[in-house]
N, C-alpha and C. Protein backbone atom coordinates (compact mmCIF):
# COMPACT_ATOMS: atom_id res chain seq x y z
N MET A 1 96.34 131.81 51.25
CA MET A 1 96.29 131.34 49.88
C MET A 1 95.70 129.94 49.79
N ALA A 2 96.03 129.08 50.75
CA ALA A 2 95.53 127.71 50.73
C ALA A 2 94.02 127.68 50.88
N ASN A 3 93.47 128.56 51.69
CA ASN A 3 92.02 128.59 51.88
C ASN A 3 91.28 128.93 50.59
N GLY A 4 91.81 129.84 49.81
CA GLY A 4 91.19 130.20 48.54
C GLY A 4 91.19 129.05 47.56
N TRP A 5 92.29 128.32 47.52
CA TRP A 5 92.40 127.17 46.62
C TRP A 5 91.42 126.08 47.04
N GLU A 6 91.32 125.82 48.34
CA GLU A 6 90.42 124.80 48.86
C GLU A 6 88.97 125.14 48.57
N SER A 7 88.59 126.40 48.73
CA SER A 7 87.20 126.77 48.47
C SER A 7 86.87 126.65 46.98
N LYS A 8 87.83 126.96 46.12
CA LYS A 8 87.59 126.79 44.69
C LYS A 8 87.48 125.31 44.33
N PHE A 9 88.30 124.49 45.00
CA PHE A 9 88.24 123.06 44.77
C PHE A 9 86.89 122.50 45.21
N VAL A 10 86.42 122.94 46.36
CA VAL A 10 85.11 122.49 46.87
C VAL A 10 84.00 122.95 45.93
N GLU A 11 84.08 124.19 45.48
CA GLU A 11 83.09 124.73 44.56
C GLU A 11 83.08 123.93 43.25
N ALA A 12 84.26 123.65 42.72
CA ALA A 12 84.36 122.87 41.47
C ALA A 12 83.82 121.46 41.68
N SER A 13 84.10 120.90 42.84
CA SER A 13 83.60 119.56 43.16
C SER A 13 82.07 119.55 43.21
N GLN A 14 81.47 120.55 43.80
CA GLN A 14 80.01 120.65 43.87
C GLN A 14 79.41 120.81 42.48
N ILE A 15 80.05 121.61 41.65
CA ILE A 15 79.56 121.80 40.28
C ILE A 15 79.63 120.48 39.52
N ASP A 16 80.73 119.75 39.70
CA ASP A 16 80.87 118.44 39.04
C ASP A 16 79.76 117.49 39.49
N GLN A 17 79.46 117.48 40.78
CA GLN A 17 78.40 116.62 41.30
C GLN A 17 77.05 117.00 40.70
N GLN A 18 76.76 118.28 40.59
CA GLN A 18 75.50 118.74 40.01
C GLN A 18 75.40 118.33 38.55
N GLU A 19 76.51 118.45 37.82
CA GLU A 19 76.51 118.05 36.41
C GLU A 19 76.29 116.55 36.28
N GLN A 20 76.91 115.76 37.16
CA GLN A 20 76.71 114.32 37.12
C GLN A 20 75.27 113.95 37.41
N ILE A 21 74.67 114.64 38.35
CA ILE A 21 73.26 114.39 38.69
C ILE A 21 72.37 114.71 37.49
N ARG A 22 72.62 115.85 36.86
CA ARG A 22 71.82 116.23 35.68
C ARG A 22 72.01 115.22 34.55
N THR A 23 73.23 114.79 34.32
CA THR A 23 73.51 113.80 33.28
C THR A 23 72.78 112.50 33.57
N GLN A 24 72.82 112.07 34.83
CA GLN A 24 72.13 110.83 35.21
C GLN A 24 70.62 110.98 35.04
N GLU A 25 70.08 112.13 35.38
CA GLU A 25 68.63 112.37 35.22
C GLU A 25 68.24 112.30 33.75
N VAL A 26 69.05 112.88 32.88
CA VAL A 26 68.77 112.83 31.44
C VAL A 26 68.83 111.39 30.95
N PHE A 27 69.85 110.66 31.39
CA PHE A 27 70.00 109.26 31.00
C PHE A 27 68.81 108.45 31.47
N ASP A 28 68.39 108.64 32.73
CA ASP A 28 67.24 107.92 33.27
C ASP A 28 65.97 108.23 32.49
N ALA A 29 65.79 109.50 32.13
CA ALA A 29 64.60 109.89 31.37
C ALA A 29 64.60 109.22 30.00
N LYS A 30 65.74 109.18 29.34
CA LYS A 30 65.83 108.52 28.03
C LYS A 30 65.58 107.02 28.16
N GLU A 31 66.10 106.42 29.22
CA GLU A 31 65.89 105.00 29.45
C GLU A 31 64.42 104.69 29.70
N ARG A 32 63.76 105.53 30.50
CA ARG A 32 62.32 105.35 30.76
C ARG A 32 61.53 105.46 29.47
N LEU A 33 61.88 106.45 28.65
CA LEU A 33 61.19 106.65 27.39
C LEU A 33 61.39 105.44 26.49
N GLY A 34 62.59 104.91 26.46
CA GLY A 34 62.87 103.72 25.65
C GLY A 34 62.06 102.53 26.12
N ARG A 35 61.95 102.35 27.43
CA ARG A 35 61.15 101.24 27.97
C ARG A 35 59.68 101.42 27.62
N LEU A 36 59.18 102.65 27.71
CA LEU A 36 57.78 102.91 27.40
C LEU A 36 57.49 102.63 25.92
N LYS A 37 58.41 103.04 25.05
CA LYS A 37 58.22 102.79 23.62
C LYS A 37 58.25 101.30 23.33
N ALA A 38 59.14 100.57 23.98
CA ALA A 38 59.23 99.12 23.77
C ALA A 38 57.95 98.44 24.27
N GLU A 39 57.45 98.88 25.41
CA GLU A 39 56.22 98.32 25.96
C GLU A 39 55.04 98.60 25.02
N GLU A 40 54.99 99.81 24.50
CA GLU A 40 53.92 100.17 23.57
C GLU A 40 54.01 99.33 22.29
N ALA A 41 55.21 99.10 21.81
CA ALA A 41 55.40 98.30 20.60
C ALA A 41 54.95 96.85 20.85
N ARG A 42 55.23 96.32 22.05
CA ARG A 42 54.78 94.96 22.38
C ARG A 42 53.26 94.89 22.43
N LYS A 43 52.63 95.94 22.99
CA LYS A 43 51.16 95.96 23.05
C LYS A 43 50.56 95.97 21.65
N VAL A 44 51.13 96.80 20.78
CA VAL A 44 50.63 96.89 19.41
C VAL A 44 50.79 95.54 18.71
N GLN A 45 51.93 94.90 18.89
CA GLN A 45 52.18 93.61 18.25
C GLN A 45 51.19 92.56 18.77
N ALA A 46 50.96 92.55 20.08
CA ALA A 46 50.01 91.59 20.65
C ALA A 46 48.61 91.83 20.11
N LEU A 47 48.21 93.09 20.00
CA LEU A 47 46.88 93.40 19.46
C LEU A 47 46.77 92.99 17.99
N GLN A 48 47.83 93.19 17.24
CA GLN A 48 47.81 92.80 15.83
C GLN A 48 47.72 91.30 15.68
N LEU A 49 48.42 90.56 16.54
CA LEU A 49 48.33 89.10 16.48
C LEU A 49 46.93 88.62 16.87
N THR A 50 46.36 89.24 17.88
CA THR A 50 45.00 88.88 18.30
C THR A 50 44.01 89.20 17.19
N ARG A 51 44.21 90.33 16.55
CA ARG A 51 43.34 90.72 15.43
C ARG A 51 43.42 89.70 14.30
N ALA A 52 44.62 89.26 13.98
CA ALA A 52 44.80 88.26 12.92
C ALA A 52 44.13 86.94 13.30
N ARG A 53 44.24 86.54 14.56
CA ARG A 53 43.59 85.30 15.01
C ARG A 53 42.08 85.41 14.91
N ILE A 54 41.53 86.54 15.30
CA ILE A 54 40.08 86.74 15.24
C ILE A 54 39.61 86.72 13.79
N ARG A 55 40.35 87.36 12.91
CA ARG A 55 39.95 87.37 11.49
C ARG A 55 39.99 85.95 10.92
N GLU A 56 40.95 85.16 11.35
CA GLU A 56 41.03 83.76 10.92
C GLU A 56 39.81 82.99 11.43
N GLN A 57 39.46 83.21 12.68
CA GLN A 57 38.28 82.54 13.24
C GLN A 57 37.01 82.98 12.52
N LEU A 58 36.94 84.26 12.16
CA LEU A 58 35.78 84.75 11.41
C LEU A 58 35.63 84.05 10.07
N SER A 59 36.75 83.78 9.43
CA SER A 59 36.69 83.13 8.11
C SER A 59 36.26 81.68 8.21
N ARG A 60 36.38 81.07 9.39
CA ARG A 60 36.06 79.65 9.55
C ARG A 60 34.70 79.37 10.19
N THR A 61 34.08 80.37 10.75
CA THR A 61 32.83 80.11 11.48
C THR A 61 31.60 80.37 10.62
N SER A 62 30.55 79.63 10.94
CA SER A 62 29.27 79.87 10.27
C SER A 62 28.18 80.21 11.30
N ASN A 63 28.53 80.16 12.57
CA ASN A 63 27.59 80.47 13.64
C ASN A 63 27.42 81.98 13.73
N GLU A 64 26.18 82.45 13.62
CA GLU A 64 25.90 83.89 13.61
C GLU A 64 26.26 84.56 14.94
N ARG A 65 25.95 83.89 16.05
CA ARG A 65 26.26 84.47 17.36
C ARG A 65 27.78 84.61 17.55
N TYR A 66 28.51 83.58 17.16
CA TYR A 66 29.96 83.62 17.30
C TYR A 66 30.56 84.68 16.37
N THR A 67 29.99 84.79 15.17
CA THR A 67 30.45 85.83 14.24
C THR A 67 30.23 87.21 14.83
N SER A 68 29.08 87.41 15.44
CA SER A 68 28.77 88.69 16.07
C SER A 68 29.75 88.98 17.21
N LEU A 69 30.03 87.98 18.03
CA LEU A 69 30.97 88.14 19.13
C LEU A 69 32.36 88.49 18.60
N LEU A 70 32.80 87.79 17.57
CA LEU A 70 34.12 88.05 17.00
C LEU A 70 34.20 89.44 16.38
N ASN A 71 33.13 89.88 15.73
CA ASN A 71 33.11 91.22 15.15
C ASN A 71 33.20 92.29 16.25
N THR A 72 32.53 92.05 17.37
CA THR A 72 32.59 92.98 18.50
C THR A 72 34.02 93.05 19.04
N GLU A 73 34.65 91.88 19.20
CA GLU A 73 36.03 91.85 19.67
C GLU A 73 36.95 92.56 18.69
N LEU A 74 36.71 92.35 17.41
CA LEU A 74 37.53 92.98 16.37
C LEU A 74 37.42 94.51 16.44
N GLN A 75 36.21 95.00 16.67
CA GLN A 75 36.01 96.45 16.80
C GLN A 75 36.75 97.01 18.02
N GLN A 76 36.72 96.26 19.13
CA GLN A 76 37.42 96.70 20.33
C GLN A 76 38.93 96.75 20.09
N ILE A 77 39.45 95.75 19.45
CA ILE A 77 40.88 95.71 19.17
C ILE A 77 41.26 96.84 18.22
N ASP A 78 40.45 97.08 17.20
CA ASP A 78 40.73 98.19 16.29
C ASP A 78 40.73 99.52 17.03
N GLY A 79 39.83 99.66 17.98
CA GLY A 79 39.79 100.88 18.79
C GLY A 79 41.04 101.05 19.63
N GLU A 80 41.51 99.97 20.24
CA GLU A 80 42.72 100.03 21.03
C GLU A 80 43.94 100.33 20.16
N LEU A 81 43.98 99.73 18.98
CA LEU A 81 45.08 100.01 18.05
C LEU A 81 45.07 101.47 17.62
N ALA A 82 43.88 102.02 17.41
CA ALA A 82 43.78 103.43 17.01
C ALA A 82 44.29 104.34 18.14
N LYS A 83 44.02 103.99 19.38
CA LYS A 83 44.50 104.78 20.52
C LYS A 83 46.03 104.76 20.59
N LEU A 84 46.61 103.62 20.29
CA LEU A 84 48.07 103.47 20.41
C LEU A 84 48.80 104.06 19.20
N ALA A 85 48.11 104.19 18.10
CA ALA A 85 48.78 104.67 16.88
C ALA A 85 48.94 106.16 16.85
C-alpha cells in the first residue's frame, strides 16, 4: 500500500513541477512582450522628438542645402515611424 501512495505522490509532484514550468514560461513570455513594447514606445518617442527638432530647424533656416538635408532626414524619420506604427 505504501508503494502505491509514494508513486502517486511522485506523479503529483512531477505534474506540479510541469505546471510551474509552464506558468513561468507564460510569465517570461509576457514579460518579454512588455519589454519589447516599452522599447518600441521609447523608439517612437525618440523619433517624434527628433522629428520636432528637425521641423524647428527647418523653420529657422534659409540655407537651401541645409533645408534639403533636413527634408531628407525628415522623410527618413517619417519612414521609420511608419514602420513602427
